[in-house]
Amino acid sequence: MMSLKKIFPFLIWLPLVKKTWKDDLIAGITGTIIVIPQAVAFAMIAGLPPIYGFYTAMITPIIAALFGSSYHLISGPTTTGSIVVFAVISKFVSPENDLQAFISLAILLSFMAGVIKLFMGLAKMGKLVNFVSNSVVIGFAAGAGILIAFKQLKHVFGINVPSGSTFYEIINYIIIHIRETNLYVLGVALATLLIALLIRRFIKYISKLYMLIAMVLGSLLAFLLGGEIHGIESVGTIPSHLPPFKIPDFNFEDMRLLTSGAITLALLGLVEAVSIARAVALHSHQKLNNNQEFIGQGLSNIISSFFSSYVSSGSFTRSGVNYQAGAKTPLSAIISAIGLMIVVLFFARYASFLPKAAMGGIILLVGYNLIDFQHIKQVIKTSKREYIVLMITLLGTLFLELEIALFLGIIISLFFYLERTSKPNIAVFGKNSEGKFVNIIRDEMAQECPQLKMIRIDGSIYFGAVEVISNYFANLYEDSESKHLLIISNGINFIDLAGAEWLTHEVLKWRERGGGIYFVGLKLVSQEILIKSGFIDIIGADNFFKDKQTAISTIYKKIDMDICENCDIKLFQECKKRIQE
């Protein structure tokens, strides 16, 4: 019978709350303050009214906290998720032309992404995120950051850039219409950006609140400059009520159109959430369960979509602040969400005065923060392949559809991985002057036995590597006079059916020559396919050895003693014993 703690994981940490509630309360209040400007900014990036950012930041953290795995991960609206939402839905409807239809599709998209996440969690597919290279995530985040920043330029310059413009079209339009810049709008945007940078850089004790303080001061500056009189638009009225319950519009045609976008959001959101949870766990030393995190993220998206929320994932900023503020359990995320509900109920009217120019300035900074310069430099220095993956993902994000860019990065990353694993390292071994078996490349003085060839295979013998390995063995068979081959197999991770079939064929070929192929140190997991498929009976179970000395002693009895008599090398102990006898 399934344990209740597996169904309701919050039962694991709930007893801890008696001792940790004060720490969680402080962290939760801090999280409420941090999320206010982010919720507004992310909703604007997604093309939605600010209130939908608040709705998402109220509901999803609670569900994710109750059903997730990480004690410190805070879920809610995110930058990359918001920009993907806008990119996916704006292909079918513009928020400026039909806002209600846009909102309806955004909520439906959240439900669909949630279902995919939940299915992946229940199917125990948590390990799949390990196949998404860090270079893909870094490239996608950097591209999204640049895209976010450029899409906000219309609010920074006060230029009416056509809705749905691509990265290139935005640049081109602003260059052509640069003379139409509203200097009042530009002044507010740049002042807000500068204030945020100065606070974060020089005033450490309030640096965590730099976005909130900068937006407040930017709003004050807009008011002093005359606000709407000089074309400085505000975000408009924000309803002061809790998220309304409403069933998403399950239109089959809409769901068909949104499928690829939902898959992209699900995959991206899971990679984002698990990566953040892992990063925090490195410091907190908490053991994570990826599958449970998938379930928590899935349920949070599904349930929140019934409360007018759009797609969510883990937030790096809020999760980092949550941990640094002293959070001990997921209660802090729940407190943060409840705190935001109180703010919306009693203080929403103040948020309506936020100028879009100030938000534009802040979002420029949000976009810039997504570009991980440190890791990009690392990738450039260390790996040409990873650099190619990063650049293709980044450029794809800027010039292609976002889901295509993400999948393209993943496919190329997997291609390079398969390309590497399809070329396992094969080393020839000999005995050095100290009597140790070593790779002959590392020691030119190492000697080989003329009748027994020794090689080591580092890698897996599977369908992708069979061609390379078989070519090596074909050359070895033609060029070597040795009839016996000992494979040092400690480095063979696994053997699939194609590998087992080829290996069996190769053993029979060497046997027909009057010799054989032998294995030493082959892992039990690598022998599994040989045993289950019956190939081990053809190869011979007595050709598998646990250590080199036993293998050599056994093979020595099968070699040609006439050749051994005239050999000057006398490589093995058995050779020397024969001379003494």
Protein backbone atom coordinates (compact mmCIF):
# COMPACT_ATOMS: atom_id res chain seq x y z
CA MET A 1 0.00 0.00 0.00
CA MET A 2 1.33 3.41 -0.98
CA SER A 3 2.47 5.51 1.96
CA LEU A 4 0.42 8.64 2.73
CA LYS A 5 3.66 10.63 2.78
CA LYS A 6 4.24 9.74 -0.89
CA ILE A 7 0.76 10.99 -1.80
CA PHE A 8 0.91 14.01 0.51
CA PRO A 9 4.62 14.94 0.80
CA PHE A 10 3.82 17.91 3.04
CA LEU A 11 3.24 15.39 5.84
CA ILE A 12 7.04 14.94 5.91
CA TRP A 13 7.88 18.57 6.75
CA LEU A 14 4.69 19.64 8.57
CA PRO A 15 5.90 18.37 11.99
CA LEU A 16 9.01 20.58 11.64
CA VAL A 17 6.90 23.75 11.54
CA LYS A 18 6.54 23.81 15.34
CA LYS A 19 10.23 24.73 15.59
CA THR A 20 10.76 26.62 12.34
CA TRP A 21 7.65 28.80 11.94
CA LYS A 22 9.37 32.02 13.04
CA ASP A 23 12.15 31.62 10.45
CA ASP A 24 9.58 30.70 7.80
CA LEU A 25 7.43 33.73 8.73
CA ILE A 26 10.31 36.17 8.23
CA ALA A 27 11.33 34.53 4.94
CA GLY A 28 7.69 34.52 3.79
CA ILE A 29 7.18 38.24 4.44
CA THR A 30 10.45 38.97 2.61
CA GLY A 31 9.18 36.88 -0.31
CA THR A 32 5.93 38.87 -0.44
CA ILE A 33 7.83 42.14 -0.83
CA ILE A 34 10.13 40.67 -3.47
CA VAL A 35 7.34 39.19 -5.60
CA ILE A 36 5.22 42.37 -5.95
CA PRO A 37 7.32 44.09 -8.64
CA GLN A 38 8.22 40.77 -10.28
CA ALA A 39 4.58 39.70 -10.60
CA VAL A 40 3.71 42.95 -12.37
CA ALA A 41 6.80 42.81 -14.60
CA PHE A 42 6.38 39.16 -15.60
CA ALA A 43 2.68 39.61 -16.42
CA MET A 44 3.60 42.51 -18.71
CA ILE A 45 6.25 40.34 -20.40
CA ALA A 46 3.57 37.68 -20.97
CA GLY A 47 1.26 40.31 -22.52
CA LEU A 48 -1.21 40.01 -19.62
CA PRO A 49 -2.66 42.61 -17.22
CA PRO A 50 -0.60 42.88 -13.96
CA ILE A 51 -3.31 41.22 -11.85
CA TYR A 52 -2.64 37.88 -13.58
CA GLY A 53 0.93 38.02 -12.34
CA PHE A 54 -0.46 38.45 -8.83
CA TYR A 55 -2.96 35.59 -9.27
CA THR A 56 -0.16 33.27 -10.42
CA ALA A 57 2.08 34.30 -7.52
CA MET A 58 -0.74 33.61 -5.04
CA ILE A 59 -1.88 30.13 -6.04
CA THR A 60 1.06 28.25 -7.55
CA PRO A 61 3.51 28.67 -4.62
CA ILE A 62 1.00 27.07 -2.25
CA ILE A 63 0.32 23.99 -4.39
CA ALA A 64 3.99 23.54 -5.34
CA ALA A 65 5.01 23.85 -1.67
CA LEU A 66 2.47 21.21 -0.58
CA PHE A 67 3.26 18.66 -3.30
CA GLY A 68 6.85 19.43 -4.34
CA SER A 69 10.13 18.06 -3.04
CA SER A 70 12.33 21.10 -2.35
CA TYR A 71 11.99 22.94 0.96
CA HIS A 72 13.21 26.24 -0.52
CA LEU A 73 11.97 26.38 -4.12
CA ILE A 74 9.44 29.18 -4.67
CA SER A 75 7.15 28.76 -7.67
CA GLY A 76 5.25 31.43 -9.54
CA PRO A 77 5.51 33.54 -12.69
CA THR A 78 8.99 33.52 -14.26
CA THR A 79 10.75 35.56 -16.91
CA THR A 80 11.43 32.78 -19.38
CA GLY A 81 8.00 31.23 -18.87
CA SER A 82 6.34 34.61 -19.46
CA ILE A 83 8.18 35.29 -22.68
CA VAL A 84 7.39 31.79 -24.01
CA VAL A 85 3.70 32.32 -23.16
CA PHE A 86 3.67 35.58 -25.13
CA ALA A 87 5.59 34.04 -28.05
CA VAL A 88 3.31 30.98 -28.25
CA ILE A 89 -0.06 32.76 -27.97
CA SER A 90 0.76 35.91 -29.97
CA LYS A 91 1.06 33.71 -33.08
CA PHE A 92 -2.72 33.19 -32.88
CA VAL A 93 -4.08 36.28 -31.14
CA SER A 94 -2.70 39.67 -30.09
CA PRO A 95 -3.35 40.98 -26.56
CA GLU A 96 -3.91 44.43 -28.03
CA ASN A 97 -6.59 43.23 -30.45
CA ASP A 98 -8.41 40.67 -28.27
CA LEU A 99 -7.18 40.68 -24.68
CA GLN A 100 -9.86 38.31 -23.34
CA ALA A 101 -9.05 35.66 -25.95
CA PHE A 102 -5.34 36.06 -25.15
CA ILE A 103 -6.01 35.61 -21.41
CA SER A 104 -8.20 32.55 -22.07
CA LEU A 105 -5.45 30.90 -24.14
CA ALA A 106 -2.81 31.72 -21.50
CA ILE A 107 -4.87 29.98 -18.81
CA LEU A 108 -5.54 26.97 -21.06
CA LEU A 109 -1.82 26.79 -21.88
CA SER A 110 -1.04 26.63 -18.15
CA PHE A 111 -3.45 23.71 -17.71
CA MET A 112 -1.93 21.80 -20.65
CA ALA A 113 1.65 22.36 -19.47
CA GLY A 114 0.60 21.22 -16.00
CA VAL A 115 -0.90 17.98 -17.32
CA ILE A 116 2.34 17.22 -19.19
CA LYS A 117 4.44 17.92 -16.09
CA LEU A 118 2.19 15.77 -13.90
CA PHE A 119 2.26 12.88 -16.39
CA MET A 120 6.06 13.03 -16.54
CA GLY A 121 6.22 12.96 -12.73
CA LEU A 122 3.82 10.02 -12.39
CA ALA A 123 5.71 8.18 -15.13
CA LYS A 124 8.93 8.73 -13.13
CA MET A 125 10.59 10.65 -15.93
CA GLY A 126 12.52 12.94 -13.57
CA LYS A 127 15.87 11.85 -14.97
CA LEU A 128 14.98 13.25 -18.39
CA VAL A 129 16.02 16.75 -17.32
CA ASN A 130 19.57 15.43 -17.02
CA PHE A 131 19.66 15.13 -20.81
CA VAL A 132 19.10 18.86 -21.27
CA SER A 133 22.58 20.33 -21.39
CA ASN A 134 23.42 23.32 -19.21
CA SER A 135 24.56 25.04 -22.40
CA VAL A 136 21.02 24.80 -23.76
CA VAL A 137 19.59 26.39 -20.61
CA ILE A 138 22.27 29.10 -20.52
CA GLY A 139 21.82 29.90 -24.23
CA PHE A 140 18.03 29.93 -23.98
CA ALA A 141 18.09 32.15 -20.89
CA ALA A 142 20.53 34.59 -22.51
CA GLY A 143 18.46 34.76 -25.69
CA ALA A 144 15.27 35.22 -23.67
CA GLY A 145 16.95 37.98 -21.66
CA ILE A 146 17.95 39.88 -24.81
CA LEU A 147 14.49 39.36 -26.32
CA ILE A 148 12.77 40.55 -23.13
CA ALA A 149 14.90 43.70 -23.01
CA PHE A 150 14.25 44.58 -26.66
CA LYS A 151 10.51 43.98 -26.35
CA GLN A 152 10.45 46.56 -23.54
CA LEU A 153 12.15 49.26 -25.62
CA LYS A 154 8.76 50.58 -26.72
CA HIS A 155 8.02 51.42 -23.06
CA VAL A 156 11.54 52.82 -22.56
CA PHE A 157 11.52 55.13 -25.61
CA GLY A 158 7.78 55.76 -25.71
CA ILE A 159 7.70 54.58 -29.34
CA ASN A 160 4.62 52.64 -30.44
CA VAL A 161 6.32 49.52 -31.85
CA PRO A 162 3.77 47.28 -33.65
CA SER A 163 2.59 44.36 -31.53
CA GLY A 164 4.11 40.96 -32.35
CA SER A 165 7.25 42.42 -33.94
CA THR A 166 10.24 40.10 -34.16
CA PHE A 167 13.65 40.85 -32.69
CA TYR A 168 14.92 42.23 -36.01
CA GLU A 169 11.72 44.21 -36.65
CA ILE A 170 11.91 45.86 -33.22
CA ILE A 171 15.49 47.02 -33.85
CA ASN A 172 14.64 48.23 -37.33
CA TYR A 173 11.47 50.08 -36.23
CA ILE A 174 13.15 51.88 -33.33
CA ILE A 175 16.11 52.97 -35.50
CA ILE A 176 13.72 54.40 -38.12
CA HIS A 177 11.46 56.11 -35.54
CA ILE A 178 14.11 57.13 -33.00
CA ARG A 179 13.18 60.80 -33.45
CA GLU A 180 9.73 60.03 -32.03
CA THR A 181 11.28 59.19 -28.63
CA ASN A 182 9.34 60.66 -25.70
CA LEU A 183 12.07 62.18 -23.53
CA TYR A 184 9.83 62.17 -20.43
CA VAL A 185 9.22 58.43 -20.83
CA LEU A 186 12.91 57.78 -21.53
CA GLY A 187 13.90 59.85 -18.48
CA VAL A 188 11.63 57.85 -16.14
CA ALA A 189 12.82 54.50 -17.57
CA LEU A 190 16.52 55.33 -17.33
CA ALA A 191 16.15 56.91 -13.88
CA THR A 192 14.37 53.80 -12.58
CA LEU A 193 17.05 51.57 -14.07
CA LEU A 194 19.86 53.72 -12.61
CA ILE A 195 18.26 53.80 -9.14
CA ALA A 196 17.88 50.00 -9.16
CA LEU A 197 21.53 49.54 -10.16
CA LEU A 198 22.83 52.00 -7.54
CA ILE A 199 20.80 50.42 -4.72
CA ARG A 200 21.85 46.89 -5.66
CA ARG A 201 25.50 47.92 -5.96
CA PHE A 202 26.04 50.31 -3.07
CA ILE A 203 23.25 50.00 -0.46
CA LYS A 204 23.65 46.40 0.65
CA TYR A 205 21.19 46.37 3.56
CA ILE A 206 18.24 47.12 1.23
CA SER A 207 19.69 45.53 -1.90
CA LYS A 208 17.09 42.75 -1.90
CA LEU A 209 14.37 45.38 -2.32
CA TYR A 210 16.11 47.25 -5.15
CA MET A 211 13.36 46.53 -7.70
CA LEU A 212 10.53 47.62 -5.40
CA ILE A 213 12.27 50.81 -4.23
CA ALA A 214 13.33 51.73 -7.78
CA MET A 215 9.77 51.35 -9.06
CA VAL A 216 8.36 53.46 -6.22
CA LEU A 217 10.90 56.24 -6.87
CA GLY A 218 10.38 55.92 -10.63
CA SER A 219 6.62 56.31 -10.10
CA LEU A 220 7.23 59.39 -7.95
CA LEU A 221 9.42 60.90 -10.70
CA ALA A 222 6.71 60.22 -13.31
CA PHE A 223 4.17 62.00 -11.08
CA LEU A 224 6.47 65.03 -10.64
CA LEU A 225 7.00 65.19 -14.43
CA GLY A 226 3.26 65.31 -15.06
CA GLY A 227 2.52 61.65 -15.76
CA GLU A 228 -0.19 61.15 -18.39
CA ILE A 229 0.03 64.82 -19.46
CA HIS A 230 3.43 64.08 -21.04
CA GLY A 231 2.52 60.63 -22.33
CA ILE A 232 3.84 58.60 -19.37
CA GLU A 233 1.27 55.78 -19.27
CA SER A 234 0.52 53.81 -16.11
CA VAL A 235 -0.29 50.09 -15.88
CA GLY A 236 -3.92 50.95 -15.15
CA THR A 237 -6.44 49.76 -12.60
CA ILE A 238 -5.60 46.53 -10.78
CA PRO A 239 -8.66 44.72 -9.32
CA SER A 240 -8.44 44.33 -5.55
CA HIS A 241 -9.85 40.83 -5.17
CA LEU A 242 -8.61 37.26 -4.87
CA PRO A 243 -8.25 34.96 -7.90
CA PRO A 244 -11.73 34.03 -9.18
CA PHE A 245 -12.59 30.37 -9.77
CA LYS A 246 -13.19 29.78 -13.46
CA ILE A 247 -12.94 26.57 -15.51
CA PRO A 248 -10.50 26.99 -18.44
CA ASP A 249 -12.03 27.03 -21.90
CA PHE A 250 -11.27 23.48 -23.10
CA ASN A 251 -11.60 24.15 -26.82
CA PHE A 252 -10.16 21.23 -28.82
CA GLU A 253 -8.93 23.42 -31.68
CA ASP A 254 -7.17 25.79 -29.26
CA MET A 255 -5.59 22.83 -27.46
CA ARG A 256 -4.31 21.47 -30.78
CA LEU A 257 -2.72 24.82 -31.63
CA LEU A 258 -1.10 25.14 -28.20
CA THR A 259 0.28 21.58 -27.92
CA SER A 260 3.86 22.29 -29.05
CA GLY A 261 3.98 25.41 -26.87
CA ALA A 262 2.69 23.44 -23.86
CA ILE A 263 5.40 20.80 -24.33
CA THR A 264 8.04 23.52 -24.56
CA LEU A 265 6.77 25.25 -21.42
CA ALA A 266 6.56 21.96 -19.53
CA LEU A 267 10.09 20.92 -20.44
CA LEU A 268 11.55 24.38 -19.86
CA GLY A 269 9.67 24.82 -16.60
CA LEU A 270 10.80 21.44 -15.25
CA VAL A 271 14.43 22.06 -16.21
CA GLU A 272 14.22 25.49 -14.57
CA ALA A 273 12.56 24.24 -11.38
CA VAL A 274 14.82 21.20 -10.88
CA SER A 275 17.97 23.21 -11.67
CA ILE A 276 17.05 25.87 -9.10
CA ALA A 277 16.12 23.26 -6.50
CA ARG A 278 19.48 21.54 -7.06
CA ALA A 279 21.40 24.82 -6.81
CA VAL A 280 19.82 25.61 -3.44
CA ALA A 281 20.19 22.01 -2.24
CA LEU A 282 23.97 22.29 -2.70
CA HIS A 283 23.91 24.71 0.24
CA SER A 284 21.02 23.27 2.25
CA HIS A 285 22.15 19.62 1.74
CA GLN A 286 18.55 18.55 1.26
CA LYS A 287 17.91 15.33 -0.66
CA LEU A 288 15.61 16.02 -3.60
CA ASN A 289 13.13 13.86 -5.50
CA ASN A 290 12.91 14.99 -9.15
CA ASN A 291 9.78 12.96 -9.83
CA GLN A 292 7.98 14.52 -6.86
CA GLU A 293 9.08 17.96 -8.04
CA PHE A 294 7.54 17.19 -11.44
CA ILE A 295 4.29 16.22 -9.72
CA GLY A 296 4.30 19.37 -7.58
CA GLN A 297 4.95 21.61 -10.58
CA GLY A 298 2.28 19.81 -12.61
CA LEU A 299 -0.40 20.07 -9.93
CA SER A 300 0.42 23.74 -9.27
CA ASN A 301 -0.11 24.59 -12.95
CA ILE A 302 -3.28 22.52 -13.27
CA ILE A 303 -4.98 23.75 -10.10
CA SER A 304 -3.93 27.39 -10.52
CA SER A 305 -5.36 27.43 -14.08
CA PHE A 306 -8.81 27.10 -12.45
CA PHE A 307 -8.02 30.31 -10.56
CA SER A 308 -7.13 32.55 -13.52
CA SER A 309 -3.37 31.92 -13.34
CA TYR A 310 -0.97 31.50 -16.22
CA VAL A 311 1.97 29.09 -16.43
CA SER A 312 4.52 29.05 -13.61
CA SER A 313 7.76 27.42 -12.57
CA GLY A 314 10.50 27.82 -9.97
CA SER A 315 11.96 31.31 -9.55
CA PHE A 316 15.72 31.55 -9.04
CA THR A 317 15.55 35.03 -7.49
CA ARG A 318 12.73 34.30 -5.06
CA SER A 319 14.09 30.85 -4.17
CA GLY A 320 17.55 32.30 -3.48
CA VAL A 321 16.12 35.09 -1.34
CA ASN A 322 13.88 32.59 0.45
CA TYR A 323 16.86 30.44 1.45
CA GLN A 324 19.05 33.42 2.38
CA ALA A 325 16.22 34.89 4.46
CA GLY A 326 16.34 31.78 6.67
CA ALA A 327 13.46 29.63 5.40
CA LYS A 328 13.48 26.11 6.82
CA THR A 329 10.35 24.54 5.30
CA PRO A 330 7.92 25.18 2.40
CA LEU A 331 5.70 27.02 4.88
CA SER A 332 7.61 30.18 3.90
CA ALA A 333 6.27 29.90 0.32
CA ILE A 334 2.72 29.57 1.63
CA ILE A 335 3.16 32.59 3.91
CA SER A 336 4.55 34.61 0.99
CA ALA A 337 1.50 33.78 -1.13
CA ILE A 338 -0.94 34.65 1.68
CA GLY A 339 0.95 37.93 2.23
CA LEU A 340 0.47 38.81 -1.44
CA MET A 341 -3.27 38.14 -1.12
CA ILE A 342 -3.43 40.68 1.71
CA VAL A 343 -1.50 43.22 -0.37
CA VAL A 344 -3.84 42.81 -3.35
CA LEU A 345 -6.95 43.08 -1.19
CA PHE A 346 -5.92 46.27 0.62
CA PHE A 347 -3.18 48.00 -1.41
CA ALA A 348 -3.90 47.18 -5.09
CA ARG A 349 -4.97 50.75 -5.87
CA TYR A 350 -1.41 51.98 -5.29
CA ALA A 351 0.00 49.53 -7.82
CA SER A 352 -2.24 51.02 -10.53
CA PHE A 353 -0.07 54.18 -10.53
CA LEU A 354 3.04 52.31 -11.66
CA PRO A 355 4.23 53.89 -14.92
CA LYS A 356 4.98 51.52 -17.81
CA ALA A 357 8.23 53.42 -18.35
CA ALA A 358 9.42 52.50 -14.82
CA MET A 359 8.41 48.90 -15.42
CA GLY A 360 10.25 48.98 -18.74
CA GLY A 361 13.41 50.16 -16.99
CA ILE A 362 13.15 47.37 -14.41
CA ILE A 363 12.46 44.72 -17.06
CA LEU A 364 15.60 45.82 -18.93
CA LEU A 365 17.49 44.84 -15.78
CA VAL A 366 15.54 41.59 -15.46
CA GLY A 367 16.52 40.70 -19.02
CA TYR A 368 20.16 41.58 -18.43
CA ASN A 369 20.25 39.42 -15.27
CA LEU A 370 19.20 36.41 -17.34
CA ILE A 371 22.47 36.55 -19.28
CA ASP A 372 24.90 34.39 -17.30
CA PHE A 373 28.17 35.94 -18.46
CA GLN A 374 30.31 33.86 -16.08
CA HIS A 375 29.07 30.52 -17.39
CA ILE A 376 29.12 31.73 -21.00
CA LYS A 377 32.83 32.57 -20.61
CA GLN A 378 33.40 29.14 -19.05
CA VAL A 379 31.71 27.39 -21.97
CA ILE A 380 33.72 29.40 -24.52
CA LYS A 381 37.00 28.47 -22.80
CA THR A 382 36.32 24.80 -22.13
CA SER A 383 34.32 23.22 -24.96
CA LYS A 384 33.81 24.06 -28.63
CA ARG A 385 30.86 21.66 -28.84
CA GLU A 386 29.08 23.24 -25.86
CA TYR A 387 29.77 26.69 -27.29
CA ILE A 388 28.09 25.68 -30.56
CA VAL A 389 25.08 24.37 -28.62
CA LEU A 390 24.89 27.59 -26.59
CA MET A 391 25.14 29.89 -29.62
CA ILE A 392 22.63 27.94 -31.72
CA THR A 393 20.13 28.03 -28.84
CA LEU A 394 20.76 31.73 -28.19
CA LEU A 395 20.49 32.79 -31.85
CA GLY A 396 17.51 30.48 -32.35
CA THR A 397 15.77 32.19 -29.43
CA LEU A 398 16.30 35.58 -31.07
CA PHE A 399 15.42 34.72 -34.66
CA LEU A 400 13.23 31.58 -34.55
CA GLU A 401 10.18 30.55 -32.57
CA LEU A 402 11.15 29.88 -28.96
CA GLU A 403 10.02 26.26 -28.87
CA ILE A 404 12.00 25.53 -32.05
CA ALA A 405 15.08 27.19 -30.53
CA LEU A 406 14.81 25.10 -27.36
CA PHE A 407 14.29 21.79 -29.16
CA LEU A 408 17.03 22.63 -31.65
CA GLY A 409 19.46 23.20 -28.79
CA ILE A 410 18.44 19.93 -27.13
CA ILE A 411 18.72 17.93 -30.38
CA ILE A 412 22.18 19.31 -31.20
CA SER A 413 23.29 18.74 -27.60
CA LEU A 414 22.13 15.12 -27.79
CA PHE A 415 23.79 14.73 -31.19
CA PHE A 416 27.14 15.79 -29.74
CA TYR A 417 26.59 13.46 -26.78
CA LEU A 418 25.83 10.51 -29.06
CA GLU A 419 28.74 11.46 -31.30
CA ARG A 420 31.08 11.31 -28.29
CA THR A 421 29.69 8.03 -26.96
CA SER A 422 29.81 6.48 -30.44
CA LYS A 423 33.62 6.73 -30.33
CA PRO A 424 34.69 4.87 -27.19
CA ASN A 425 38.36 5.09 -26.29
CA ILE A 426 40.25 1.85 -27.04
CA ALA A 427 43.73 1.54 -25.55
CA VAL A 428 46.34 -1.18 -26.20
CA PHE A 429 47.99 -2.50 -23.04
CA GLY A 430 51.49 -3.83 -22.43
CA LYS A 431 53.73 -4.53 -19.45
CA ASN A 432 56.29 -1.91 -18.37
CA SER A 433 59.69 -2.34 -16.70
CA GLU A 434 58.03 -2.24 -13.27
CA GLY A 435 55.85 -5.22 -14.14
CA LYS A 436 52.63 -3.17 -14.41
CA PHE A 437 50.13 -3.31 -17.26
CA VAL A 438 49.87 0.18 -18.80
CA ASN A 439 48.61 1.92 -21.93
CA ILE A 440 51.51 1.59 -24.39
CA ILE A 441 50.94 5.21 -25.51
CA ARG A 442 51.88 6.36 -22.00
CA ASP A 443 55.02 4.21 -21.82
CA GLU A 444 56.98 3.57 -25.04
CA MET A 445 59.04 0.91 -23.26
CA ALA A 446 56.00 -1.21 -22.45
CA GLN A 447 56.03 -4.57 -24.25
CA GLU A 448 53.26 -6.73 -25.70
CA CYS A 449 52.96 -10.50 -25.89
CA PRO A 450 53.10 -11.62 -29.57
CA GLN A 451 50.34 -14.19 -28.97
CA LEU A 452 48.00 -12.34 -26.59
CA LYS A 453 46.74 -8.88 -27.48
CA MET A 454 45.40 -6.84 -24.54
CA ILE A 455 43.07 -3.87 -25.05
CA ARG A 456 40.86 -1.75 -22.81
CA ILE A 457 37.50 -0.36 -23.98
CA ASP A 458 36.26 2.80 -22.22
CA GLY A 459 32.66 3.36 -23.22
CA SER A 460 29.51 1.43 -24.02
CA ILE A 461 29.07 -1.19 -26.72
CA TYR A 462 25.70 -0.11 -28.12
CA PHE A 463 24.13 0.44 -31.55
CA GLY A 464 25.69 3.90 -31.93
CA ALA A 465 29.22 2.69 -31.20
CA VAL A 466 29.19 -0.71 -32.93
CA GLU A 467 30.42 0.64 -36.30
CA VAL A 468 33.48 2.38 -34.81
CA ILE A 469 34.39 -0.58 -32.56
CA SER A 470 33.86 -3.14 -35.35
CA ASN A 471 36.15 -1.17 -37.68
CA TYR A 472 38.84 -1.17 -34.99
CA PHE A 473 38.47 -4.92 -34.47
CA ALA A 474 38.55 -5.56 -38.23
CA ASN A 475 41.88 -3.73 -38.51
CA LEU A 476 43.14 -5.54 -35.40
CA TYR A 477 42.16 -8.90 -36.86
CA GLU A 478 43.95 -8.16 -40.15
CA ASP A 479 47.09 -6.51 -38.79
CA SER A 480 47.77 -8.50 -35.63
CA GLU A 481 49.41 -11.90 -35.56
CA SER A 482 47.88 -12.60 -32.17
CA LYS A 483 45.14 -15.20 -32.08
CA HIS A 484 44.02 -14.40 -28.56
CA LEU A 485 42.47 -11.10 -27.42
CA LEU A 486 41.91 -10.09 -23.80
CA ILE A 487 39.50 -7.17 -23.33
CA ILE A 488 39.92 -5.23 -20.08
CA SER A 489 36.23 -4.45 -19.58
CA ASN A 490 35.97 -2.34 -16.40
CA GLY A 491 35.21 0.74 -18.52
CA ILE A 492 32.31 -0.85 -20.44
CA ASN A 493 29.17 0.69 -18.95
CA PHE A 494 26.57 -1.34 -20.79
CA ILE A 495 26.03 -3.59 -23.82
CA ASP A 496 22.78 -3.43 -25.80
CA LEU A 497 21.33 -6.08 -28.13
CA ALA A 498 23.13 -4.75 -31.22
CA GLY A 499 26.39 -4.72 -29.27
CA ALA A 500 25.80 -8.24 -27.96
CA GLU A 501 25.11 -9.60 -31.44
CA TRP A 502 28.25 -7.99 -32.89
CA LEU A 503 30.39 -9.16 -29.94
CA THR A 504 29.19 -12.75 -30.34
CA HIS A 505 29.95 -12.66 -34.06
CA GLU A 506 33.44 -11.30 -33.34
CA VAL A 507 34.13 -14.03 -30.75
CA LEU A 508 33.19 -16.74 -33.27
CA LYS A 509 35.44 -15.12 -35.90
CA TRP A 510 38.49 -15.18 -33.59
CA ARG A 511 37.63 -18.71 -32.52
CA GLU A 512 37.67 -19.88 -36.14
CA ARG A 513 41.18 -18.42 -36.36
CA GLY A 514 42.24 -20.83 -33.65
CA GLY A 515 42.16 -18.34 -30.79
CA GLY A 516 39.52 -16.52 -28.80
CA ILE A 517 38.26 -13.34 -27.13
CA TYR A 518 38.25 -13.11 -23.34
CA PHE A 519 36.86 -10.55 -20.89
CA VAL A 520 38.14 -9.39 -17.53
CA GLY A 521 36.27 -7.16 -15.10
CA LEU A 522 33.03 -6.88 -17.12
CA LYS A 523 30.31 -5.42 -14.86
CA LEU A 524 27.32 -7.63 -14.04
CA VAL A 525 24.96 -4.97 -15.44
CA SER A 526 26.88 -5.15 -18.72
CA GLN A 527 26.56 -8.94 -18.80
CA GLU A 528 22.80 -8.78 -18.29
CA ILE A 529 21.85 -8.58 -21.98
CA LEU A 530 24.36 -11.34 -22.83
CA ILE A 531 22.79 -13.63 -20.22
CA LYS A 532 19.13 -12.87 -21.00
CA SER A 533 19.58 -13.21 -24.77
CA GLY A 534 21.61 -16.44 -24.50
CA PHE A 535 24.72 -14.97 -26.14
CA ILE A 536 26.84 -15.85 -23.12
CA ASP A 537 26.33 -19.55 -23.93
CA ILE A 538 27.82 -19.01 -27.41
CA ILE A 539 30.71 -16.88 -26.12
CA GLY A 540 31.30 -19.24 -23.21
CA ALA A 541 30.88 -18.31 -19.56
CA ASP A 542 34.42 -19.58 -18.87
CA ASN A 543 35.80 -16.75 -21.03
CA PHE A 544 34.80 -14.15 -18.42
CA PHE A 545 37.27 -13.44 -15.59
CA LYS A 546 37.29 -11.28 -12.48
CA ASP A 547 41.00 -10.39 -12.52
CA LYS A 548 43.81 -10.14 -15.08
CA GLN A 549 46.12 -12.69 -13.46
CA THR A 550 43.52 -15.46 -13.54
CA ALA A 551 42.64 -14.57 -17.12
CA ILE A 552 46.31 -14.63 -18.25
CA SER A 553 46.99 -17.92 -16.47
CA THR A 554 44.03 -19.54 -18.22
CA ILE A 555 44.76 -18.09 -21.67
CA TYR A 556 48.46 -19.04 -21.37
CA LYS A 557 47.52 -22.70 -21.49
CA LYS A 558 45.95 -22.16 -24.93
CA ILE A 559 48.84 -20.36 -26.67
CA ASP A 560 51.29 -21.96 -29.11
CA MET A 561 54.21 -23.24 -27.02
CA ASP A 562 56.51 -23.48 -30.05
CA ILE A 563 56.21 -19.71 -30.55
CA CYS A 564 56.63 -19.24 -26.82
CA GLU A 565 59.94 -21.20 -26.85
CA ASN A 566 61.49 -18.76 -29.35
CA CYS A 567 60.06 -15.60 -27.71
CA ASP A 568 62.60 -13.26 -26.12
CA ILE A 569 60.06 -11.05 -24.35
CA LYS A 570 58.86 -13.52 -21.67
CA LEU A 571 56.20 -11.05 -20.56
CA PHE A 572 54.15 -13.08 -18.11
CA GLN A 573 55.03 -14.93 -14.90
CA GLU A 574 53.97 -18.16 -16.60
CA CYS A 575 56.65 -17.61 -19.27
CA LYS A 576 59.37 -17.27 -16.62
CA LYS A 577 58.15 -20.33 -14.70
CA ARG A 578 58.30 -22.39 -17.90
CA ILE A 579 61.99 -21.41 -18.40
CA GLN A 580 62.82 -22.40 -14.80
CA GLU A 581 61.13 -25.73 -15.28
